[in-house]
């Protein structure tokens, strides 16, 4: 079983910054992609950002591009989301995901964290 854990959420004023962290653990052979979704109350879960393995290509949804930055840690099972110039509309539960291959037995996986709350006050 692959476990994904997020941290770093909190309450900030509009215009402030937060950095979210995510760590994946378990019998992981490789991680192909890690990233973030978010979900506000009454709304569908929204893709936010992702980063691929190898060349560390990054992708962002339009509403956060230029304000958020996703990056990998020294260990490839760690990913960060640096959030700057936060807006009230960024308020949501942020979920980290990891996709890759596990061992014993070898198979593809997709795992999600429990979420971390980000609240931006006006």
N, C-alpha and C. Protein backbone atom coordinates (compact mmCIF):
# COMPACT_ATOMS: atom_id res chain seq x y z
N UNK A 1 0.83 -1.17 0.00
CA UNK A 1 0.00 0.00 0.00
C UNK A 1 0.88 1.25 0.00
N UNK A 2 0.52 2.22 -0.83
CA UNK A 2 1.25 3.48 -0.92
C UNK A 2 0.49 4.53 -0.14
N UNK A 3 1.21 5.21 0.74
CA UNK A 3 0.61 6.26 1.55
C UNK A 3 1.13 7.61 1.09
N UNK A 4 0.22 8.56 0.97
CA UNK A 4 0.55 9.92 0.57
C UNK A 4 0.08 10.86 1.67
N UNK A 5 0.96 11.72 2.13
CA UNK A 5 0.65 12.62 3.23
C UNK A 5 1.02 14.04 2.86
N UNK A 6 0.07 14.96 3.02
CA UNK A 6 0.30 16.38 2.78
C UNK A 6 0.46 17.13 4.09
N UNK A 7 1.12 18.26 4.01
CA UNK A 7 1.23 19.15 5.16
C UNK A 7 1.48 20.57 4.65
N UNK A 8 1.35 21.52 5.55
CA UNK A 8 1.67 22.90 5.22
C UNK A 8 0.48 23.82 5.05
N UNK A 9 -0.72 23.30 5.12
CA UNK A 9 -1.90 24.14 5.00
C UNK A 9 -2.07 25.03 6.21
N UNK A 10 -2.95 25.99 6.08
CA UNK A 10 -3.21 26.91 7.17
C UNK A 10 -4.05 28.07 6.75
N UNK A 11 -4.11 29.06 7.61
CA UNK A 11 -4.88 30.28 7.38
C UNK A 11 -3.93 31.43 7.10
N UNK A 12 -4.13 32.09 5.97
CA UNK A 12 -3.30 33.22 5.60
C UNK A 12 -4.16 34.36 5.07
N UNK A 13 -3.61 35.55 5.10
CA UNK A 13 -4.27 36.70 4.53
C UNK A 13 -4.08 36.72 3.02
N UNK A 14 -5.01 37.33 2.33
CA UNK A 14 -4.87 37.49 0.89
C UNK A 14 -3.54 38.18 0.57
N UNK A 15 -2.87 37.67 -0.44
CA UNK A 15 -1.56 38.18 -0.79
C UNK A 15 -0.41 37.46 -0.12
N UNK A 16 -0.72 36.61 0.84
CA UNK A 16 0.30 35.86 1.55
C UNK A 16 0.74 34.63 0.80
N UNK A 17 1.58 33.85 1.46
CA UNK A 17 2.17 32.67 0.85
C UNK A 17 2.10 31.47 1.78
N UNK A 18 2.05 30.31 1.18
CA UNK A 18 2.16 29.04 1.88
C UNK A 18 2.95 28.08 1.01
N UNK A 19 3.60 27.14 1.65
CA UNK A 19 4.24 26.05 0.93
C UNK A 19 3.70 24.72 1.43
N UNK A 20 3.10 23.98 0.53
CA UNK A 20 2.60 22.66 0.85
C UNK A 20 3.65 21.61 0.53
N UNK A 21 3.69 20.57 1.34
CA UNK A 21 4.61 19.47 1.14
C UNK A 21 3.84 18.18 1.02
N UNK A 22 4.38 17.26 0.27
CA UNK A 22 3.75 15.97 0.08
C UNK A 22 4.82 14.89 0.04
N UNK A 23 4.56 13.80 0.72
CA UNK A 23 5.48 12.68 0.74
C UNK A 23 4.74 11.38 0.47
N UNK A 24 5.27 10.59 -0.42
CA UNK A 24 4.73 9.28 -0.72
C UNK A 24 5.64 8.20 -0.15
N UNK A 25 5.06 7.18 0.44
CA UNK A 25 5.85 6.12 1.04
C UNK A 25 5.19 4.78 0.79
N UNK A 26 5.99 3.74 0.89
CA UNK A 26 5.54 2.39 0.66
C UNK A 26 6.52 1.64 -0.20
N UNK A 27 6.09 0.50 -0.70
CA UNK A 27 6.96 -0.32 -1.54
C UNK A 27 6.93 0.20 -2.98
N UNK A 28 7.52 1.37 -3.16
CA UNK A 28 7.47 2.08 -4.44
C UNK A 28 8.71 1.75 -5.26
N UNK A 29 8.48 1.30 -6.47
CA UNK A 29 9.57 1.09 -7.41
C UNK A 29 9.94 2.38 -8.11
N UNK A 30 8.95 3.12 -8.56
CA UNK A 30 9.19 4.39 -9.22
C UNK A 30 7.93 5.24 -9.14
N UNK A 31 8.14 6.55 -9.17
CA UNK A 31 7.04 7.50 -9.23
C UNK A 31 7.14 8.24 -10.56
N UNK A 32 6.08 8.18 -11.33
CA UNK A 32 6.07 8.82 -12.64
C UNK A 32 5.56 10.26 -12.56
N UNK A 33 4.57 10.49 -11.72
CA UNK A 33 3.94 11.79 -11.65
C UNK A 33 3.49 12.07 -10.22
N UNK A 34 3.68 13.29 -9.77
CA UNK A 34 3.09 13.75 -8.53
C UNK A 34 2.46 15.11 -8.80
N UNK A 35 1.44 15.43 -8.03
CA UNK A 35 0.79 16.71 -8.25
C UNK A 35 -0.26 17.01 -7.22
N UNK A 36 -1.06 18.02 -7.53
CA UNK A 36 -2.03 18.54 -6.59
C UNK A 36 -3.36 18.80 -7.27
N UNK A 37 -4.43 18.43 -6.58
CA UNK A 37 -5.78 18.86 -6.89
C UNK A 37 -6.30 19.64 -5.69
N UNK A 38 -7.39 20.34 -5.89
CA UNK A 38 -8.03 21.02 -4.78
C UNK A 38 -9.54 20.96 -4.95
N UNK A 39 -10.23 21.08 -3.82
CA UNK A 39 -11.68 21.04 -3.85
C UNK A 39 -12.24 22.00 -2.82
N UNK A 40 -13.04 22.93 -3.29
CA UNK A 40 -13.74 23.86 -2.42
C UNK A 40 -15.14 23.32 -2.14
N UNK A 41 -15.75 23.71 -1.02
CA UNK A 41 -17.09 23.22 -0.70
C UNK A 41 -18.09 23.50 -1.82
N UNK A 42 -18.84 22.48 -2.20
CA UNK A 42 -19.85 22.63 -3.22
C UNK A 42 -19.33 22.65 -4.64
N UNK A 43 -18.05 22.46 -4.82
CA UNK A 43 -17.45 22.48 -6.15
C UNK A 43 -16.75 21.16 -6.44
N UNK A 44 -16.56 20.91 -7.73
CA UNK A 44 -15.85 19.71 -8.14
C UNK A 44 -14.36 19.84 -7.86
N UNK A 45 -13.74 18.70 -7.69
CA UNK A 45 -12.30 18.70 -7.52
C UNK A 45 -11.64 19.24 -8.79
N UNK A 46 -10.66 20.10 -8.61
CA UNK A 46 -10.01 20.79 -9.70
C UNK A 46 -8.53 20.45 -9.73
N UNK A 47 -8.05 20.09 -10.90
CA UNK A 47 -6.62 19.88 -11.07
C UNK A 47 -5.89 21.20 -10.94
N UNK A 48 -4.76 21.20 -10.23
CA UNK A 48 -4.01 22.41 -9.97
C UNK A 48 -2.64 22.39 -10.65
N UNK A 49 -1.86 21.37 -10.37
CA UNK A 49 -0.49 21.31 -10.89
C UNK A 49 0.02 19.89 -10.83
N UNK A 50 0.97 19.58 -11.70
CA UNK A 50 1.63 18.30 -11.64
C UNK A 50 3.05 18.42 -12.16
N UNK A 51 3.86 17.45 -11.78
CA UNK A 51 5.24 17.41 -12.23
C UNK A 51 5.56 15.97 -12.60
N UNK A 52 6.22 15.79 -13.72
CA UNK A 52 6.57 14.47 -14.20
C UNK A 52 7.99 14.09 -13.79
N UNK A 53 8.27 12.82 -13.82
CA UNK A 53 9.61 12.34 -13.51
C UNK A 53 10.54 12.57 -14.70
N UNK A 54 11.80 12.31 -14.49
CA UNK A 54 12.78 12.45 -15.55
C UNK A 54 13.18 13.89 -15.78
N UNK A 55 12.46 14.57 -16.67
CA UNK A 55 12.80 15.95 -16.99
C UNK A 55 12.08 16.96 -16.11
N UNK A 56 11.28 16.49 -15.16
CA UNK A 56 10.56 17.36 -14.22
C UNK A 56 9.72 18.42 -14.94
N UNK A 57 9.03 18.01 -15.96
CA UNK A 57 8.12 18.90 -16.66
C UNK A 57 6.95 19.26 -15.76
N UNK A 58 6.59 20.53 -15.74
CA UNK A 58 5.51 21.01 -14.88
C UNK A 58 4.34 21.51 -15.70
N UNK A 59 3.15 21.40 -15.12
CA UNK A 59 1.92 21.84 -15.74
C UNK A 59 1.06 22.51 -14.67
N UNK A 60 0.34 23.55 -15.08
CA UNK A 60 -0.49 24.31 -14.15
C UNK A 60 -1.82 24.64 -14.78
N UNK A 61 -2.84 24.69 -13.95
CA UNK A 61 -4.10 25.22 -14.42
C UNK A 61 -3.98 26.73 -14.53
N UNK A 62 -4.75 27.33 -15.42
CA UNK A 62 -4.57 28.73 -15.76
C UNK A 62 -4.73 29.66 -14.56
N UNK A 63 -5.61 29.35 -13.64
CA UNK A 63 -5.90 30.24 -12.54
C UNK A 63 -4.75 30.39 -11.54
N UNK A 64 -3.80 29.47 -11.55
CA UNK A 64 -2.69 29.54 -10.60
C UNK A 64 -1.35 29.80 -11.28
N UNK A 65 -1.31 29.73 -12.58
CA UNK A 65 -0.06 29.91 -13.31
C UNK A 65 0.52 31.29 -13.03
N UNK A 66 1.80 31.31 -12.70
CA UNK A 66 2.47 32.55 -12.34
C UNK A 66 2.46 32.84 -10.87
N UNK A 67 1.61 32.16 -10.11
CA UNK A 67 1.55 32.34 -8.67
C UNK A 67 2.02 31.10 -7.91
N UNK A 68 1.73 29.93 -8.44
CA UNK A 68 2.10 28.67 -7.79
C UNK A 68 3.27 28.04 -8.52
N UNK A 69 4.10 27.34 -7.77
CA UNK A 69 5.22 26.62 -8.35
C UNK A 69 5.30 25.23 -7.73
N UNK A 70 5.30 24.21 -8.57
CA UNK A 70 5.45 22.85 -8.09
C UNK A 70 6.89 22.41 -8.34
N UNK A 71 7.45 21.69 -7.40
CA UNK A 71 8.82 21.22 -7.53
C UNK A 71 8.99 19.92 -6.76
N UNK A 72 10.03 19.19 -7.12
CA UNK A 72 10.35 17.94 -6.43
C UNK A 72 11.46 18.18 -5.43
N UNK A 73 11.44 17.39 -4.36
CA UNK A 73 12.51 17.44 -3.39
C UNK A 73 13.71 16.65 -3.86
N UNK A 74 14.73 16.59 -2.99
CA UNK A 74 15.91 15.79 -3.32
C UNK A 74 15.54 14.33 -3.53
N UNK A 75 14.62 13.86 -2.72
CA UNK A 75 14.05 12.54 -2.93
C UNK A 75 12.87 12.66 -3.87
N UNK A 76 12.75 11.74 -4.79
CA UNK A 76 11.72 11.83 -5.82
C UNK A 76 10.33 11.52 -5.31
N UNK A 77 10.23 11.08 -4.07
CA UNK A 77 8.93 10.82 -3.48
C UNK A 77 8.38 12.02 -2.73
N UNK A 78 9.01 13.17 -2.88
CA UNK A 78 8.59 14.39 -2.20
C UNK A 78 8.31 15.46 -3.24
N UNK A 79 7.23 16.18 -3.03
CA UNK A 79 6.88 17.27 -3.93
C UNK A 79 6.38 18.45 -3.10
N UNK A 80 6.63 19.65 -3.59
CA UNK A 80 6.21 20.87 -2.92
C UNK A 80 5.30 21.68 -3.83
N UNK A 81 4.45 22.47 -3.22
CA UNK A 81 3.66 23.45 -3.95
C UNK A 81 3.83 24.79 -3.25
N UNK A 82 4.63 25.66 -3.85
CA UNK A 82 4.81 27.00 -3.33
C UNK A 82 3.70 27.88 -3.86
N UNK A 83 2.93 28.46 -2.97
CA UNK A 83 1.77 29.26 -3.34
C UNK A 83 2.00 30.70 -2.90
N UNK A 84 2.11 31.59 -3.86
CA UNK A 84 2.32 33.00 -3.60
C UNK A 84 1.11 33.80 -4.07
N UNK A 85 1.01 35.03 -3.59
CA UNK A 85 -0.08 35.93 -3.97
C UNK A 85 -1.43 35.24 -3.84
N UNK A 86 -1.64 34.62 -2.71
CA UNK A 86 -2.86 33.85 -2.51
C UNK A 86 -4.10 34.73 -2.52
N UNK A 87 -5.16 34.18 -3.07
CA UNK A 87 -6.44 34.86 -3.17
C UNK A 87 -7.50 34.08 -2.42
N UNK A 88 -8.57 34.74 -1.98
CA UNK A 88 -9.64 34.00 -1.30
C UNK A 88 -10.18 32.83 -2.11
N UNK A 89 -10.21 32.96 -3.42
CA UNK A 89 -10.70 31.88 -4.25
C UNK A 89 -9.78 30.66 -4.28
N UNK A 90 -8.59 30.79 -3.71
CA UNK A 90 -7.71 29.64 -3.57
C UNK A 90 -8.09 28.77 -2.37
N UNK A 91 -9.01 29.23 -1.55
CA UNK A 91 -9.44 28.47 -0.38
C UNK A 91 -10.02 27.13 -0.81
N UNK A 92 -9.46 26.06 -0.28
CA UNK A 92 -9.89 24.72 -0.64
C UNK A 92 -9.10 23.71 0.18
N UNK A 93 -9.53 22.47 0.10
CA UNK A 93 -8.71 21.37 0.58
C UNK A 93 -7.82 20.93 -0.57
N UNK A 94 -6.54 20.89 -0.32
CA UNK A 94 -5.58 20.52 -1.35
C UNK A 94 -5.14 19.07 -1.15
N UNK A 95 -5.25 18.30 -2.22
CA UNK A 95 -4.93 16.89 -2.20
C UNK A 95 -3.72 16.60 -3.07
N UNK A 96 -2.81 15.86 -2.54
CA UNK A 96 -1.63 15.43 -3.29
C UNK A 96 -1.87 14.03 -3.85
N UNK A 97 -1.37 13.79 -5.04
CA UNK A 97 -1.45 12.45 -5.62
C UNK A 97 -0.09 12.02 -6.14
N UNK A 98 0.08 10.72 -6.19
CA UNK A 98 1.29 10.13 -6.74
C UNK A 98 0.90 8.97 -7.63
N UNK A 99 1.56 8.86 -8.77
CA UNK A 99 1.34 7.77 -9.70
C UNK A 99 2.67 7.15 -10.05
N UNK A 100 2.68 5.83 -10.12
CA UNK A 100 3.92 5.15 -10.44
C UNK A 100 3.76 3.65 -10.41
N UNK A 101 4.81 2.99 -9.95
CA UNK A 101 4.85 1.54 -9.93
C UNK A 101 5.29 1.07 -8.55
N UNK A 102 4.58 0.11 -8.00
CA UNK A 102 4.96 -0.50 -6.74
C UNK A 102 5.60 -1.85 -7.00
N UNK A 103 6.28 -2.36 -6.00
CA UNK A 103 6.92 -3.67 -6.09
C UNK A 103 6.24 -4.67 -5.18
N UNK A 104 6.43 -5.93 -5.48
CA UNK A 104 5.97 -7.04 -4.64
C UNK A 104 4.47 -6.96 -4.37
N UNK A 105 3.67 -7.22 -5.39
CA UNK A 105 4.00 -7.45 -6.79
C UNK A 105 4.17 -6.14 -7.54
N UNK A 106 4.78 -6.24 -8.68
CA UNK A 106 4.97 -5.06 -9.51
C UNK A 106 3.66 -4.70 -10.20
N UNK A 107 3.20 -3.50 -9.98
CA UNK A 107 1.96 -3.03 -10.58
C UNK A 107 1.88 -1.52 -10.51
N UNK A 108 1.07 -0.94 -11.37
CA UNK A 108 0.84 0.49 -11.36
C UNK A 108 0.01 0.89 -10.15
N UNK A 109 0.19 2.12 -9.69
CA UNK A 109 -0.61 2.62 -8.59
C UNK A 109 -0.96 4.08 -8.79
N UNK A 110 -2.01 4.49 -8.13
CA UNK A 110 -2.37 5.88 -8.00
C UNK A 110 -2.91 6.08 -6.59
N UNK A 111 -2.26 6.93 -5.82
CA UNK A 111 -2.63 7.14 -4.43
C UNK A 111 -2.84 8.61 -4.16
N UNK A 112 -3.73 8.87 -3.22
CA UNK A 112 -4.08 10.23 -2.84
C UNK A 112 -3.89 10.44 -1.34
N UNK A 113 -3.52 11.64 -0.98
CA UNK A 113 -3.42 11.98 0.42
C UNK A 113 -4.77 12.34 1.01
N UNK A 114 -4.76 12.63 2.29
CA UNK A 114 -6.00 12.93 3.01
C UNK A 114 -6.44 14.38 2.83
N UNK A 115 -5.56 15.21 2.33
CA UNK A 115 -5.87 16.60 2.10
C UNK A 115 -5.37 17.50 3.21
N UNK A 116 -5.06 18.73 2.85
CA UNK A 116 -4.68 19.74 3.82
C UNK A 116 -5.45 21.02 3.50
N UNK A 117 -6.00 21.64 4.52
CA UNK A 117 -6.87 22.79 4.33
C UNK A 117 -6.07 24.06 4.14
N UNK A 118 -6.38 24.79 3.10
CA UNK A 118 -5.82 26.11 2.85
C UNK A 118 -6.97 27.11 2.88
N UNK A 119 -6.86 28.09 3.77
CA UNK A 119 -7.88 29.11 3.89
C UNK A 119 -7.24 30.48 3.72
N UNK A 120 -7.74 31.25 2.78
CA UNK A 120 -7.22 32.57 2.50
C UNK A 120 -8.30 33.58 2.85
N UNK A 121 -8.02 34.42 3.80
CA UNK A 121 -8.98 35.42 4.24
C UNK A 121 -8.80 36.72 3.46
N UNK A 122 -9.89 37.45 3.32
CA UNK A 122 -9.86 38.71 2.61
C UNK A 122 -9.64 39.88 3.55
